[in-house]
Amino acid sequence: MIFITGFRGFIGRHYCNTLKKKNIEYVPVLFQSNKLTSLQGDELKHSENGYFFHFAAQTGVPKSWDMPETFIIQNQKLLMMVLKF
């Protein structure tokens, strides 16, 4: 199975479109309430059979200048959850 964060962003969207064209199934992953979930809201459990592509990050240059700590913490938290998956 292929798990993908950031599927709504530029890179993730194009990667998902490429997978669709090749008829390859994947699971779009969301970061909600400090959990990794599917689009249906189901919490994802650890899987040893598959690949995880992490394209997600909190973005926005103007806001990052105003609240740099928030951006760093959120992006690190998401990265750590993906690595633990």
Protein backbone atom coordinates (compact mmCIF):
# COMPACT_ATOMS: atom_id res chain seq x y z
CA MET A 1 0.00 0.00 0.00
CA ILE A 2 1.11 3.55 -0.67
CA PHE A 3 0.35 6.26 1.89
CA ILE A 4 0.63 9.93 0.86
CA THR A 5 0.56 13.11 2.95
CA GLY A 6 0.24 16.44 1.22
CA PHE A 7 -1.92 15.00 -1.56
CA ARG A 8 -3.70 18.35 -1.95
CA GLY A 9 -0.45 20.29 -2.45
CA PHE A 10 1.37 20.86 -5.72
CA ILE A 11 3.81 17.95 -5.58
CA GLY A 12 1.46 15.52 -3.85
CA ARG A 13 -1.39 16.26 -6.27
CA HIS A 14 0.81 15.60 -9.29
CA TYR A 15 2.22 12.43 -7.74
CA CYS A 16 -1.31 11.15 -7.03
CA ASN A 17 -2.37 11.93 -10.61
CA THR A 18 0.61 9.92 -11.88
CA LEU A 19 -0.37 6.97 -9.69
CA LYS A 20 -3.98 7.18 -10.91
CA LYS A 21 -2.87 7.11 -14.54
CA LYS A 22 -0.88 3.95 -13.79
CA ASN A 23 -3.85 2.40 -11.91
CA ILE A 24 -1.85 2.25 -8.68
CA GLU A 25 -3.89 2.44 -5.49
CA TYR A 26 -2.89 4.79 -2.68
CA VAL A 27 -4.26 6.12 0.60
CA PRO A 28 -4.43 9.91 1.02
CA VAL A 29 -3.37 10.73 4.58
CA LEU A 30 -4.53 13.68 6.68
CA PHE A 31 -3.08 15.07 9.92
CA GLN A 32 -6.06 15.74 12.18
CA SER A 33 -6.25 16.10 15.96
CA ASN A 34 -2.62 14.95 16.27
CA LYS A 35 -3.40 11.71 14.41
CA LEU A 36 -2.77 10.40 10.92
CA THR A 37 -6.14 9.60 9.35
CA SER A 38 -7.65 8.54 6.06
CA LEU A 39 -10.04 10.81 4.18
CA GLN A 40 -12.90 8.94 5.88
CA GLY A 41 -11.50 9.94 9.28
CA ASP A 42 -10.24 6.49 10.22
CA GLU A 43 -7.06 6.57 12.29
CA LEU A 44 -4.23 4.87 10.43
CA LYS A 45 -2.34 2.09 12.15
CA HIS A 46 1.26 1.06 11.58
CA SER A 47 1.80 -0.94 8.40
CA GLU A 48 4.94 -2.84 7.54
CA ASN A 49 3.65 -3.54 4.04
CA GLY A 50 3.84 -0.38 2.06
CA TYR A 51 5.44 2.93 1.32
CA PHE A 52 4.91 6.35 2.84
CA PHE A 53 5.45 9.51 0.79
CA HIS A 54 5.50 12.59 2.98
CA PHE A 55 4.78 15.71 0.92
CA ALA A 56 2.86 17.67 3.58
CA ALA A 57 4.03 20.76 5.42
CA GLN A 58 2.50 23.84 6.87
CA THR A 59 3.32 26.64 4.46
CA GLY A 60 2.80 30.35 4.11
CA VAL A 61 5.74 32.71 4.18
CA PRO A 62 3.96 35.75 5.71
CA LYS A 63 2.57 33.70 8.62
CA SER A 64 5.87 31.91 9.14
CA TRP A 65 7.56 35.25 9.76
CA ASP A 66 4.92 36.16 12.35
CA MET A 67 4.87 32.77 14.09
CA PRO A 68 8.04 30.82 13.20
CA GLU A 69 7.88 28.58 16.27
CA THR A 70 4.37 27.41 15.39
CA PHE A 71 5.40 26.45 11.86
CA ILE A 72 8.49 24.61 13.04
CA ILE A 73 6.66 22.71 15.77
CA GLN A 74 3.74 21.68 13.53
CA ASN A 75 6.02 20.50 10.72
CA GLN A 76 8.28 18.60 13.12
CA LYS A 77 5.30 16.98 14.84
CA LEU A 78 3.92 15.76 11.52
CA LEU A 79 7.32 14.48 10.42
CA MET A 80 7.76 12.55 13.66
CA MET A 81 4.33 10.94 13.31
CA VAL A 82 5.17 9.85 9.76
CA LEU A 83 8.54 8.44 10.84
CA LYS A 84 6.90 6.47 13.67
CA PHE A 85 4.30 5.06 11.28
